[in-house]
Amino acid sequence: MAMHEEQTFTPEPADKAKIRHILKVMGILAFVTAIEFLLAFTVPSGWFLTSIFVILTLVKAFYIVSEFMHLGHEVKALIWSIVLPLLFVVWLIIALIYEGEYLYSYF
């Protein structure tokens, strides 16, 4: 029978720079979200408000992808290999919505 040694684990001290970075990211995302809530309850709905929401959502999405998926620290070729197909998908969605409106004009 093999004897197992007792293992002891000692926790490492918290890395203050990592904690500050996480709090900074959380603060930026919370600030953009607070702006969205402020606009949602103060500005009347319409085309302007919708476009502001789309822009702020894209800002948050860019920041989330940059920080949490570590894409902001990669080489530019990898970033463009992800962004360009995404642009084509967005273009496809817009084109399908625009062309889909013609369906209702015939009926």
PDB file of N, CA and C in Angstrom:
ATOM      1  N   MET A   1       0.822  -1.165   0.000  1.00  0.00           N
ATOM      2  CA  MET A   1       0.000   0.000   0.000  1.00  0.00           C
ATOM      3  C   MET A   1       0.872   1.236   0.000  1.00  0.00           C
ATOM      4  N   ALA A   2       0.519   2.167  -0.824  1.00  0.00           N
ATOM      5  CA  ALA A   2       1.312   3.387  -0.937  1.00  0.00           C
ATOM      6  C   ALA A   2       0.849   4.394   0.100  1.00  0.00           C
ATOM      7  N   MET A   3       1.804   5.064   0.644  1.00  0.00           N
ATOM      8  CA  MET A   3       1.505   6.097   1.628  1.00  0.00           C
ATOM      9  C   MET A   3       1.361   7.438   0.903  1.00  0.00           C
ATOM     10  N   HIS A   4       0.316   8.159   1.209  1.00  0.00           N
ATOM     11  CA  HIS A   4       0.107   9.483   0.608  1.00  0.00           C
ATOM     12  C   HIS A   4       0.534  10.546   1.594  1.00  0.00           C
ATOM     13  N   GLU A   5       1.305  11.481   1.066  1.00  0.00           N
ATOM     14  CA  GLU A   5       1.724  12.586   1.913  1.00  0.00           C
ATOM     15  C   GLU A   5       0.590  13.601   2.020  1.00  0.00           C
ATOM     16  N   GLU A   6       0.530  14.211   3.139  1.00  0.00           N
ATOM     17  CA  GLU A   6      -0.487  15.237   3.334  1.00  0.00           C
ATOM     18  C   GLU A   6      -0.060  16.500   2.580  1.00  0.00           C
ATOM     19  N   GLN A   7      -0.966  17.012   1.766  1.00  0.00           N
ATOM     20  CA  GLN A   7      -0.649  18.204   0.989  1.00  0.00           C
ATOM     21  C   GLN A   7      -1.210  19.430   1.686  1.00  0.00           C
ATOM     22  N   THR A   8      -0.420  20.450   1.705  1.00  0.00           N
ATOM     23  CA  THR A   8      -0.882  21.715   2.263  1.00  0.00           C
ATOM     24  C   THR A   8      -0.879  22.759   1.158  1.00  0.00           C
ATOM     25  N   PHE A   9      -1.914  23.537   1.145  1.00  0.00           N
ATOM     26  CA  PHE A   9      -2.033  24.596   0.156  1.00  0.00           C
ATOM     27  C   PHE A   9      -1.926  25.941   0.855  1.00  0.00           C
ATOM     28  N   THR A  10      -1.073  26.766   0.312  1.00  0.00           N
ATOM     29  CA  THR A  10      -0.965  28.115   0.851  1.00  0.00           C
ATOM     30  C   THR A  10      -1.495  29.082  -0.202  1.00  0.00           C
ATOM     31  N   PRO A  11      -2.436  29.912   0.168  1.00  0.00           N
ATOM     32  CA  PRO A  11      -2.992  30.850  -0.816  1.00  0.00           C
ATOM     33  C   PRO A  11      -1.969  31.916  -1.202  1.00  0.00           C
ATOM     34  N   GLU A  12      -1.996  32.266  -2.482  1.00  0.00           N
ATOM     35  CA  GLU A  12      -1.101  33.321  -2.951  1.00  0.00           C
ATOM     36  C   GLU A  12      -1.744  34.673  -2.644  1.00  0.00           C
ATOM     37  N   PRO A  13      -0.916  35.665  -2.393  1.00  0.00           N
ATOM     38  CA  PRO A  13      -1.497  36.988  -2.146  1.00  0.00           C
ATOM     39  C   PRO A  13      -2.164  37.520  -3.410  1.00  0.00           C
ATOM     40  N   ALA A  14      -3.201  38.304  -3.223  1.00  0.00           N
ATOM     41  CA  ALA A  14      -3.953  38.848  -4.356  1.00  0.00           C
ATOM     42  C   ALA A  14      -3.081  39.826  -5.136  1.00  0.00           C
ATOM     43  N   ASP A  15      -3.160  39.734  -6.449  1.00  0.00           N
ATOM     44  CA  ASP A  15      -2.410  40.636  -7.306  1.00  0.00           C
ATOM     45  C   ASP A  15      -3.205  41.940  -7.432  1.00  0.00           C
ATOM     46  N   LYS A  16      -2.691  43.001  -6.853  1.00  0.00           N
ATOM     47  CA  LYS A  16      -3.418  44.273  -6.799  1.00  0.00           C
ATOM     48  C   LYS A  16      -3.633  44.856  -8.198  1.00  0.00           C
ATOM     49  N   ALA A  17      -2.703  44.662  -9.108  1.00  0.00           N
ATOM     50  CA  ALA A  17      -2.848  45.213 -10.458  1.00  0.00           C
ATOM     51  C   ALA A  17      -3.998  44.537 -11.201  1.00  0.00           C
ATOM     52  N   LYS A  18      -4.142  43.224 -11.039  1.00  0.00           N
ATOM     53  CA  LYS A  18      -5.237  42.507 -11.694  1.00  0.00           C
ATOM     54  C   LYS A  18      -6.584  42.935 -11.124  1.00  0.00           C
ATOM     55  N   ILE A  19      -6.640  43.122  -9.822  1.00  0.00           N
ATOM     56  CA  ILE A  19      -7.881  43.548  -9.188  1.00  0.00           C
ATOM     57  C   ILE A  19      -8.260  44.946  -9.656  1.00  0.00           C
ATOM     58  N   ARG A  20      -7.268  45.855  -9.745  1.00  0.00           N
ATOM     59  CA  ARG A  20      -7.547  47.204 -10.238  1.00  0.00           C
ATOM     60  C   ARG A  20      -8.035  47.175 -11.685  1.00  0.00           C
ATOM     61  N   HIS A  21      -7.453  46.310 -12.499  1.00  0.00           N
ATOM     62  CA  HIS A  21      -7.855  46.205 -13.907  1.00  0.00           C
ATOM     63  C   HIS A  21      -9.290  45.686 -14.024  1.00  0.00           C
ATOM     64  N   ILE A  22      -9.636  44.688 -13.231  1.00  0.00           N
ATOM     65  CA  ILE A  22     -10.999  44.154 -13.251  1.00  0.00           C
ATOM     66  C   ILE A  22     -11.993  45.212 -12.784  1.00  0.00           C
ATOM     67  N   LEU A  23     -11.659  45.964 -11.762  1.00  0.00           N
ATOM     68  CA  LEU A  23     -12.539  47.023 -11.284  1.00  0.00           C
ATOM     69  C   LEU A  23     -12.678  48.145 -12.310  1.00  0.00           C
ATOM     70  N   LYS A  24     -11.596  48.432 -13.036  1.00  0.00           N
ATOM     71  CA  LYS A  24     -11.656  49.451 -14.093  1.00  0.00           C
ATOM     72  C   LYS A  24     -12.604  49.009 -15.202  1.00  0.00           C
ATOM     73  N   VAL A  25     -12.485  47.758 -15.638  1.00  0.00           N
ATOM     74  CA  VAL A  25     -13.374  47.229 -16.678  1.00  0.00           C
ATOM     75  C   VAL A  25     -14.822  47.258 -16.198  1.00  0.00           C
ATOM     76  N   MET A  26     -15.055  46.838 -14.959  1.00  0.00           N
ATOM     77  CA  MET A  26     -16.405  46.850 -14.406  1.00  0.00           C
ATOM     78  C   MET A  26     -16.948  48.275 -14.335  1.00  0.00           C
ATOM     79  N   GLY A  27     -16.113  49.226 -13.960  1.00  0.00           N
ATOM     80  CA  GLY A  27     -16.544  50.615 -13.878  1.00  0.00           C
ATOM     81  C   GLY A  27     -16.924  51.197 -15.231  1.00  0.00           C
ATOM     82  N   ILE A  28     -16.132  50.887 -16.261  1.00  0.00           N
ATOM     83  CA  ILE A  28     -16.437  51.389 -17.603  1.00  0.00           C
ATOM     84  C   ILE A  28     -17.746  50.799 -18.108  1.00  0.00           C
ATOM     85  N   LEU A  29     -17.929  49.493 -17.950  1.00  0.00           N
ATOM     86  CA  LEU A  29     -19.169  48.862 -18.401  1.00  0.00           C
ATOM     87  C   LEU A  29     -20.377  49.362 -17.606  1.00  0.00           C
ATOM     88  N   ALA A  30     -20.200  49.589 -16.315  1.00  0.00           N
ATOM     89  CA  ALA A  30     -21.289  50.110 -15.490  1.00  0.00           C
ATOM     90  C   ALA A  30     -21.633  51.544 -15.899  1.00  0.00           C
ATOM     91  N   PHE A  31     -20.623  52.341 -16.249  1.00  0.00           N
ATOM     92  CA  PHE A  31     -20.857  53.720 -16.672  1.00  0.00           C
ATOM     93  C   PHE A  31     -21.655  53.767 -17.975  1.00  0.00           C
ATOM     94  N   VAL A  32     -21.267  52.946 -18.955  1.00  0.00           N
ATOM     95  CA  VAL A  32     -21.993  52.917 -20.226  1.00  0.00           C
ATOM     96  C   VAL A  32     -23.422  52.420 -20.008  1.00  0.00           C
ATOM     97  N   THR A  33     -23.596  51.425 -19.151  1.00  0.00           N
ATOM     98  CA  THR A  33     -24.937  50.922 -18.845  1.00  0.00           C
ATOM     99  C   THR A  33     -25.768  51.990 -18.134  1.00  0.00           C
ATOM    100  N   ALA A  34     -25.158  52.754 -17.245  1.00  0.00           N
ATOM    101  CA  ALA A  34     -25.876  53.833 -16.558  1.00  0.00           C
ATOM    102  C   ALA A  34     -26.325  54.904 -17.556  1.00  0.00           C
ATOM    103  N   ILE A  35     -25.487  55.199 -18.543  1.00  0.00           N
ATOM    104  CA  ILE A  35     -25.880  56.151 -19.582  1.00  0.00           C
ATOM    105  C   ILE A  35     -27.074  55.607 -20.364  1.00  0.00           C
ATOM    106  N   GLU A  36     -27.050  54.319 -20.674  1.00  0.00           N
ATOM    107  CA  GLU A  36     -28.182  53.715 -21.381  1.00  0.00           C
ATOM    108  C   GLU A  36     -29.468  53.829 -20.565  1.00  0.00           C
ATOM    109  N   PHE A  37     -29.401  53.544 -19.283  1.00  0.00           N
ATOM    110  CA  PHE A  37     -30.591  53.653 -18.431  1.00  0.00           C
ATOM    111  C   PHE A  37     -31.062  55.101 -18.341  1.00  0.00           C
ATOM    112  N   LEU A  38     -30.145  56.030 -18.207  1.00  0.00           N
ATOM    113  CA  LEU A  38     -30.504  57.436 -18.129  1.00  0.00           C
ATOM    114  C   LEU A  38     -31.211  57.886 -19.408  1.00  0.00           C
ATOM    115  N   LEU A  39     -30.687  57.489 -20.553  1.00  0.00           N
ATOM    116  CA  LEU A  39     -31.316  57.843 -21.820  1.00  0.00           C
ATOM    117  C   LEU A  39     -32.669  57.160 -21.993  1.00  0.00           C
ATOM    118  N   ALA A  40     -32.777  55.925 -21.529  1.00  0.00           N
ATOM    119  CA  ALA A  40     -34.031  55.180 -21.686  1.00  0.00           C
ATOM    120  C   ALA A  40     -35.179  55.833 -20.935  1.00  0.00           C
ATOM    121  N   PHE A  41     -34.881  56.450 -19.799  1.00  0.00           N
ATOM    122  CA  PHE A  41     -35.949  57.019 -18.986  1.00  0.00           C
ATOM    123  C   PHE A  41     -36.123  58.523 -19.172  1.00  0.00           C
ATOM    124  N   THR A  42     -35.232  59.184 -19.929  1.00  0.00           N
ATOM    125  CA  THR A  42     -35.356  60.636 -20.080  1.00  0.00           C
ATOM    126  C   THR A  42     -35.622  61.075 -21.514  1.00  0.00           C
ATOM    127  N   VAL A  43     -35.105  60.371 -22.507  1.00  0.00           N
ATOM    128  CA  VAL A  43     -35.247  60.782 -23.906  1.00  0.00           C
ATOM    129  C   VAL A  43     -36.452  60.060 -24.498  1.00  0.00           C
ATOM    130  N   PRO A  44     -37.314  60.796 -25.220  1.00  0.00           N
ATOM    131  CA  PRO A  44     -38.461  60.120 -25.843  1.00  0.00           C
ATOM    132  C   PRO A  44     -37.997  59.138 -26.920  1.00  0.00           C
ATOM    133  N   SER A  45     -38.745  58.045 -27.052  1.00  0.00           N
ATOM    134  CA  SER A  45     -38.334  57.011 -27.996  1.00  0.00           C
ATOM    135  C   SER A  45     -38.469  57.512 -29.423  1.00  0.00           C
ATOM    136  N   GLY A  46     -37.615  56.967 -30.260  1.00  0.00           N
ATOM    137  CA  GLY A  46     -37.604  57.352 -31.665  1.00  0.00           C
ATOM    138  C   GLY A  46     -36.327  56.884 -32.325  1.00  0.00           C
ATOM    139  N   TRP A  47     -36.085  57.399 -33.500  1.00  0.00           N
ATOM    140  CA  TRP A  47     -34.930  56.981 -34.285  1.00  0.00           C
ATOM    141  C   TRP A  47     -33.627  57.364 -33.602  1.00  0.00           C
ATOM    142  N   PHE A  48     -33.586  58.562 -32.997  1.00  0.00           N
ATOM    143  CA  PHE A  48     -32.373  59.039 -32.334  1.00  0.00           C
ATOM    144  C   PHE A  48     -32.000  58.138 -31.164  1.00  0.00           C
ATOM    145  N   LEU A  49     -32.957  57.820 -30.328  1.00  0.00           N
ATOM    146  CA  LEU A  49     -32.689  56.980 -29.163  1.00  0.00           C
ATOM    147  C   LEU A  49     -32.253  55.579 -29.580  1.00  0.00           C
ATOM    148  N   THR A  50     -32.891  55.046 -30.605  1.00  0.00           N
ATOM    149  CA  THR A  50     -32.516  53.716 -31.086  1.00  0.00           C
ATOM    150  C   THR A  50     -31.082  53.705 -31.598  1.00  0.00           C
ATOM    151  N   SER A  51     -30.698  54.732 -32.347  1.00  0.00           N
ATOM    152  CA  SER A  51     -29.330  54.775 -32.866  1.00  0.00           C
ATOM    153  C   SER A  51     -28.313  54.942 -31.743  1.00  0.00           C
ATOM    154  N   ILE A  52     -28.645  55.719 -30.711  1.00  0.00           N
ATOM    155  CA  ILE A  52     -27.744  55.856 -29.557  1.00  0.00           C
ATOM    156  C   ILE A  52     -27.585  54.516 -28.846  1.00  0.00           C
ATOM    157  N   PHE A  53     -28.691  53.773 -28.679  1.00  0.00           N
ATOM    158  CA  PHE A  53     -28.611  52.460 -28.038  1.00  0.00           C
ATOM    159  C   PHE A  53     -27.745  51.493 -28.847  1.00  0.00           C
ATOM    160  N   VAL A  54     -27.881  51.517 -30.148  1.00  0.00           N
ATOM    161  CA  VAL A  54     -27.073  50.635 -30.990  1.00  0.00           C
ATOM    162  C   VAL A  54     -25.590  50.987 -30.850  1.00  0.00           C
ATOM    163  N   ILE A  55     -25.271  52.273 -30.861  1.00  0.00           N
ATOM    164  CA  ILE A  55     -23.875  52.696 -30.734  1.00  0.00           C
ATOM    165  C   ILE A  55     -23.315  52.302 -29.372  1.00  0.00           C
ATOM    166  N   LEU A  56     -24.069  52.551 -28.299  1.00  0.00           N
ATOM    167  CA  LEU A  56     -23.585  52.199 -26.961  1.00  0.00           C
ATOM    168  C   LEU A  56     -23.461  50.686 -26.787  1.00  0.00           C
ATOM    169  N   THR A  57     -24.357  49.929 -27.394  1.00  0.00           N
ATOM    170  CA  THR A  57     -24.256  48.471 -27.334  1.00  0.00           C
ATOM    171  C   THR A  57     -23.014  47.982 -28.067  1.00  0.00           C
ATOM    172  N   LEU A  58     -22.695  48.586 -29.203  1.00  0.00           N
ATOM    173  CA  LEU A  58     -21.482  48.215 -29.925  1.00  0.00           C
ATOM    174  C   LEU A  58     -20.232  48.581 -29.135  1.00  0.00           C
ATOM    175  N   VAL A  59     -20.274  49.702 -28.433  1.00  0.00           N
ATOM    176  CA  VAL A  59     -19.138  50.089 -27.585  1.00  0.00           C
ATOM    177  C   VAL A  59     -18.927  49.054 -26.482  1.00  0.00           C
ATOM    178  N   LYS A  60     -20.020  48.665 -25.827  1.00  0.00           N
ATOM    179  CA  LYS A  60     -19.897  47.651 -24.769  1.00  0.00           C
ATOM    180  C   LYS A  60     -19.439  46.310 -25.331  1.00  0.00           C
ATOM    181  N   ALA A  61     -19.976  45.926 -26.481  1.00  0.00           N
ATOM    182  CA  ALA A  61     -19.578  44.646 -27.082  1.00  0.00           C
ATOM    183  C   ALA A  61     -18.099  44.668 -27.450  1.00  0.00           C
ATOM    184  N   PHE A  62     -17.622  45.772 -28.021  1.00  0.00           N
ATOM    185  CA  PHE A  62     -16.206  45.881 -28.362  1.00  0.00           C
ATOM    186  C   PHE A  62     -15.344  45.763 -27.115  1.00  0.00           C
ATOM    187  N   TYR A  63     -15.742  46.442 -26.052  1.00  0.00           N
ATOM    188  CA  TYR A  63     -14.933  46.423 -24.839  1.00  0.00           C
ATOM    189  C   TYR A  63     -14.935  45.040 -24.180  1.00  0.00           C
ATOM    190  N   ILE A  64     -16.087  44.374 -24.197  1.00  0.00           N
ATOM    191  CA  ILE A  64     -16.165  43.029 -23.631  1.00  0.00           C
ATOM    192  C   ILE A  64     -15.298  42.058 -24.416  1.00  0.00           C
ATOM    193  N   VAL A  65     -15.378  42.125 -25.739  1.00  0.00           N
ATOM    194  CA  VAL A  65     -14.561  41.240 -26.575  1.00  0.00           C
ATOM    195  C   VAL A  65     -13.084  41.564 -26.393  1.00  0.00           C
ATOM    196  N   SER A  66     -12.772  42.836 -26.285  1.00  0.00           N
ATOM    197  CA  SER A  66     -11.378  43.246 -26.131  1.00  0.00           C
ATOM    198  C   SER A  66     -10.781  42.770 -24.810  1.00  0.00           C
ATOM    199  N   GLU A  67     -11.542  42.874 -23.743  1.00  0.00           N
ATOM    200  CA  GLU A  67     -10.996  42.547 -22.427  1.00  0.00           C
ATOM    201  C   GLU A  67     -11.186  41.086 -22.028  1.00  0.00           C
ATOM    202  N   PHE A  68     -12.408  40.584 -22.131  1.00  0.00           N
ATOM    203  CA  PHE A  68     -12.683  39.250 -21.611  1.00  0.00           C
ATOM    204  C   PHE A  68     -12.272  38.138 -22.568  1.00  0.00           C
ATOM    205  N   MET A  69     -12.278  38.426 -23.871  1.00  0.00           N
ATOM    206  CA  MET A  69     -11.821  37.429 -24.832  1.00  0.00           C
ATOM    207  C   MET A  69     -10.373  37.687 -25.237  1.00  0.00           C
ATOM    208  N   HIS A  70      -9.752  38.695 -24.622  1.00  0.00           N
ATOM    209  CA  HIS A  70      -8.339  39.035 -24.816  1.00  0.00           C
ATOM    210  C   HIS A  70      -8.021  39.358 -26.267  1.00  0.00           C
ATOM    211  N   LEU A  71      -8.995  39.839 -27.014  1.00  0.00           N
ATOM    212  CA  LEU A  71      -8.757  40.161 -28.414  1.00  0.00           C
ATOM    213  C   LEU A  71      -8.013  41.486 -28.556  1.00  0.00           C
ATOM    214  N   GLY A  72      -8.115  42.352 -27.585  1.00  0.00           N
ATOM    215  CA  GLY A  72      -7.420  43.631 -27.633  1.00  0.00           C
ATOM    216  C   GLY A  72      -5.915  43.499 -27.532  1.00  0.00           C
ATOM    217  N   HIS A  73      -5.438  42.358 -27.086  1.00  0.00           N
ATOM    218  CA  HIS A  73      -4.008  42.150 -26.907  1.00  0.00           C
ATOM    219  C   HIS A  73      -3.411  41.246 -27.987  1.00  0.00           C
ATOM    220  N   GLU A  74      -4.191  40.963 -29.010  1.00  0.00           N
ATOM    221  CA  GLU A  74      -3.730  40.073 -30.085  1.00  0.00           C
ATOM    222  C   GLU A  74      -3.164  40.882 -31.244  1.00  0.00           C
ATOM    223  N   VAL A  75      -2.595  40.166 -32.201  1.00  0.00           N
ATOM    224  CA  VAL A  75      -2.056  40.831 -33.389  1.00  0.00           C
ATOM    225  C   VAL A  75      -3.209  41.311 -34.262  1.00  0.00           C
ATOM    226  N   LYS A  76      -2.941  42.321 -35.069  1.00  0.00           N
ATOM    227  CA  LYS A  76      -3.991  42.943 -35.871  1.00  0.00           C
ATOM    228  C   LYS A  76      -4.594  41.983 -36.900  1.00  0.00           C
ATOM    229  N   ALA A  77      -3.820  41.054 -37.420  1.00  0.00           N
ATOM    230  CA  ALA A  77      -4.349  40.120 -38.425  1.00  0.00           C
ATOM    231  C   ALA A  77      -5.448  39.241 -37.830  1.00  0.00           C
ATOM    232  N   LEU A  78      -5.286  38.807 -36.591  1.00  0.00           N
ATOM    233  CA  LEU A  78      -6.314  38.005 -35.944  1.00  0.00           C
ATOM    234  C   LEU A  78      -7.567  38.834 -35.686  1.00  0.00           C
ATOM    235  N   ILE A  79      -7.386  40.074 -35.284  1.00  0.00           N
ATOM    236  CA  ILE A  79      -8.531  40.954 -35.039  1.00  0.00           C
ATOM    237  C   ILE A  79      -9.322  41.149 -36.325  1.00  0.00           C
ATOM    238  N   TRP A  80      -8.636  41.426 -37.426  1.00  0.00           N
ATOM    239  CA  TRP A  80      -9.334  41.643 -38.698  1.00  0.00           C
ATOM    240  C   TRP A  80      -9.967  40.371 -39.230  1.00  0.00           C
ATOM    241  N   SER A  81      -9.379  39.221 -38.919  1.00  0.00           N
ATOM    242  CA  SER A  81      -9.991  37.963 -39.370  1.00  0.00           C
ATOM    243  C   SER A  81     -11.300  37.680 -38.644  1.00  0.00           C
ATOM    244  N   ILE A  82     -11.530  38.326 -37.520  1.00  0.00           N
ATOM    245  CA  ILE A  82     -12.794  38.188 -36.801  1.00  0.00           C
ATOM    246  C   ILE A  82     -13.754  39.322 -37.161  1.00  0.00           C
ATOM    247  N   VAL A  83     -13.230  40.533 -37.321  1.00  0.00           N
ATOM    248  CA  VAL A  83     -14.082  41.700 -37.568  1.00  0.00           C
ATOM    249  C   VAL A  83     -14.673  41.693 -38.975  1.00  0.00           C
ATOM    250  N   LEU A  84     -13.888  41.366 -39.986  1.00  0.00           N
ATOM    251  CA  LEU A  84     -14.392  41.403 -41.360  1.00  0.00           C
ATOM    252  C   LEU A  84     -15.566  40.452 -41.601  1.00  0.00           C
ATOM    253  N   PRO A  85     -15.491  39.184 -41.205  1.00  0.00           N
ATOM    254  CA  PRO A  85     -16.681  38.345 -41.374  1.00  0.00           C
ATOM    255  C   PRO A  85     -17.887  38.859 -40.588  1.00  0.00           C
ATOM    256  N   LEU A  86     -17.648  39.453 -39.431  1.00  0.00           N
ATOM    257  CA  LEU A  86     -18.743  40.020 -38.657  1.00  0.00           C
ATOM    258  C   LEU A  86     -19.402  41.171 -39.409  1.00  0.00           C
ATOM    259  N   LEU A  87     -18.604  41.991 -40.077  1.00  0.00           N
ATOM    260  CA  LEU A  87     -19.164  43.082 -40.875  1.00  0.00           C
ATOM    261  C   LEU A  87     -20.025  42.546 -42.003  1.00  0.00           C
ATOM    262  N   PHE A  88     -19.599  41.455 -42.632  1.00  0.00           N
ATOM    263  CA  PHE A  88     -20.399  40.855 -43.686  1.00  0.00           C
ATOM    264  C   PHE A  88     -21.716  40.296 -43.145  1.00  0.00           C
ATOM    265  N   VAL A  89     -21.695  39.744 -41.960  1.00  0.00           N
ATOM    266  CA  VAL A  89     -22.926  39.231 -41.354  1.00  0.00           C
ATOM    267  C   VAL A  89     -23.881  40.386 -41.039  1.00  0.00           C
ATOM    268  N   VAL A  90     -23.341  41.486 -40.514  1.00  0.00           N
ATOM    269  CA  VAL A  90     -24.176  42.658 -40.233  1.00  0.00           C
ATOM    270  C   VAL A  90     -24.760  43.199 -41.534  1.00  0.00           C
ATOM    271  N   TRP A  91     -23.943  43.279 -42.589  1.00  0.00           N
ATOM    272  CA  TRP A  91     -24.429  43.729 -43.889  1.00  0.00           C
ATOM    273  C   TRP A  91     -25.530  42.799 -44.399  1.00  0.00           C
ATOM    274  N   LEU A  92     -25.367  41.495 -44.228  1.00  0.00           N
ATOM    275  CA  LEU A  92     -26.371  40.536 -44.660  1.00  0.00           C
ATOM    276  C   LEU A  92     -27.695  40.748 -43.927  1.00  0.00           C
ATOM    277  N   ILE A  93     -27.633  40.966 -42.636  1.00  0.00           N
ATOM    278  CA  ILE A  93     -28.856  41.186 -41.857  1.00  0.00           C
ATOM    279  C   ILE A  93     -29.567  42.449 -42.324  1.00  0.00           C
ATOM    280  N   ILE A  94     -28.803  43.527 -42.519  1.00  0.00           N
ATOM    281  CA  ILE A  94     -29.405  44.785 -42.982  1.00  0.00           C
ATOM    282  C   ILE A  94     -30.005  44.601 -44.368  1.00  0.00           C
ATOM    283  N   ALA A  95     -29.299  43.911 -45.263  1.00  0.00           N
ATOM    284  CA  ALA A  95     -29.806  43.689 -46.616  1.00  0.00           C
ATOM    285  C   ALA A  95     -31.075  42.842 -46.600  1.00  0.00           C
ATOM    286  N   LEU A  96     -31.120  41.828 -45.776  1.00  0.00           N
ATOM    287  CA  LEU A  96     -32.312  40.985 -45.709  1.00  0.00           C
ATOM    288  C   LEU A  96     -33.515  41.733 -45.134  1.00  0.00           C
ATOM    289  N   ILE A  97     -33.266  42.580 -44.151  1.00  0.00           N
ATOM    290  CA  ILE A  97     -34.365  43.379 -43.607  1.00  0.00           C
ATOM    291  C   ILE A  97     -34.867  44.366 -44.655  1.00  0.00           C
ATOM    292  N   TYR A  98     -33.948  45.020 -45.355  1.00  0.00           N
ATOM    293  CA  TYR A  98     -34.324  45.993 -46.366  1.00  0.00           C
ATOM    294  C   TYR A  98     -35.072  45.329 -47.520  1.00  0.00           C
ATOM    295  N   GLU A  99     -34.563  44.208 -47.989  1.00  0.00           N
ATOM    296  CA  GLU A  99     -35.215  43.511 -49.096  1.00  0.00           C
ATOM    297  C   GLU A  99     -36.517  42.838 -48.653  1.00  0.00           C
ATOM    298  N   GLY A 100     -36.626  42.484 -47.396  1.00  0.00           N
ATOM    299  CA  GLY A 100     -37.835  41.855 -46.902  1.00  0.00           C
ATOM    300  C   GLY A 100     -39.027  42.789 -46.874  1.00  0.00           C
ATOM    301  N   GLU A 101     -38.759  44.095 -46.841  1.00  0.00           N
ATOM    302  CA  GLU A 101     -39.859  45.056 -46.855  1.00  0.00           C
ATOM    303  C   GLU A 101     -40.595  45.042 -48.181  1.00  0.00           C
ATOM    304  N   TYR A 102     -39.940  44.671 -49.260  1.00  0.00           N
ATOM    305  CA  TYR A 102     -40.593  44.626 -50.562  1.00  0.00           C
ATOM    306  C   TYR A 102     -41.658  43.530 -50.630  1.00  0.00           C
ATOM    307  N   LEU A 103     -41.532  42.519 -49.794  1.00  0.00           N
ATOM    308  CA  LEU A 103     -42.522  41.452 -49.770  1.00  0.00           C
ATOM    309  C   LEU A 103     -43.906  41.998 -49.421  1.00  0.00           C
ATOM    310  N   TYR A 104     -43.942  42.950 -48.493  1.00  0.00           N
ATOM    311  CA  TYR A 104     -45.240  43.508 -48.083  1.00  0.00           C
ATOM    312  C   TYR A 104     -45.803  44.487 -49.109  1.00  0.00           C
ATOM    313  N   SER A 105     -44.977  45.014 -49.994  1.00  0.00           N
ATOM    314  CA  SER A 105     -45.498  45.974 -50.980  1.00  0.00           C
ATOM    315  C   SER A 105     -46.266  45.287 -52.116  1.00  0.00           C
ATOM    316  N   TYR A 106     -46.081  43.992 -52.296  1.00  0.00           N
ATOM    317  CA  TYR A 106     -46.767  43.265 -53.348  1.00  0.00           C
ATOM    318  C   TYR A 106     -48.087  42.654 -52.881  1.00  0.00           C
ATOM    319  N   PHE A 107     -48.302  42.529 -51.606  1.00  0.00           N
ATOM    320  CA  PHE A 107     -49.514  41.877 -51.113  1.00  0.00           C
ATOM    321  C   PHE A 107     -50.444  42.842 -50.459  1.00  0.00           C
TER     322      PHE A 107
END
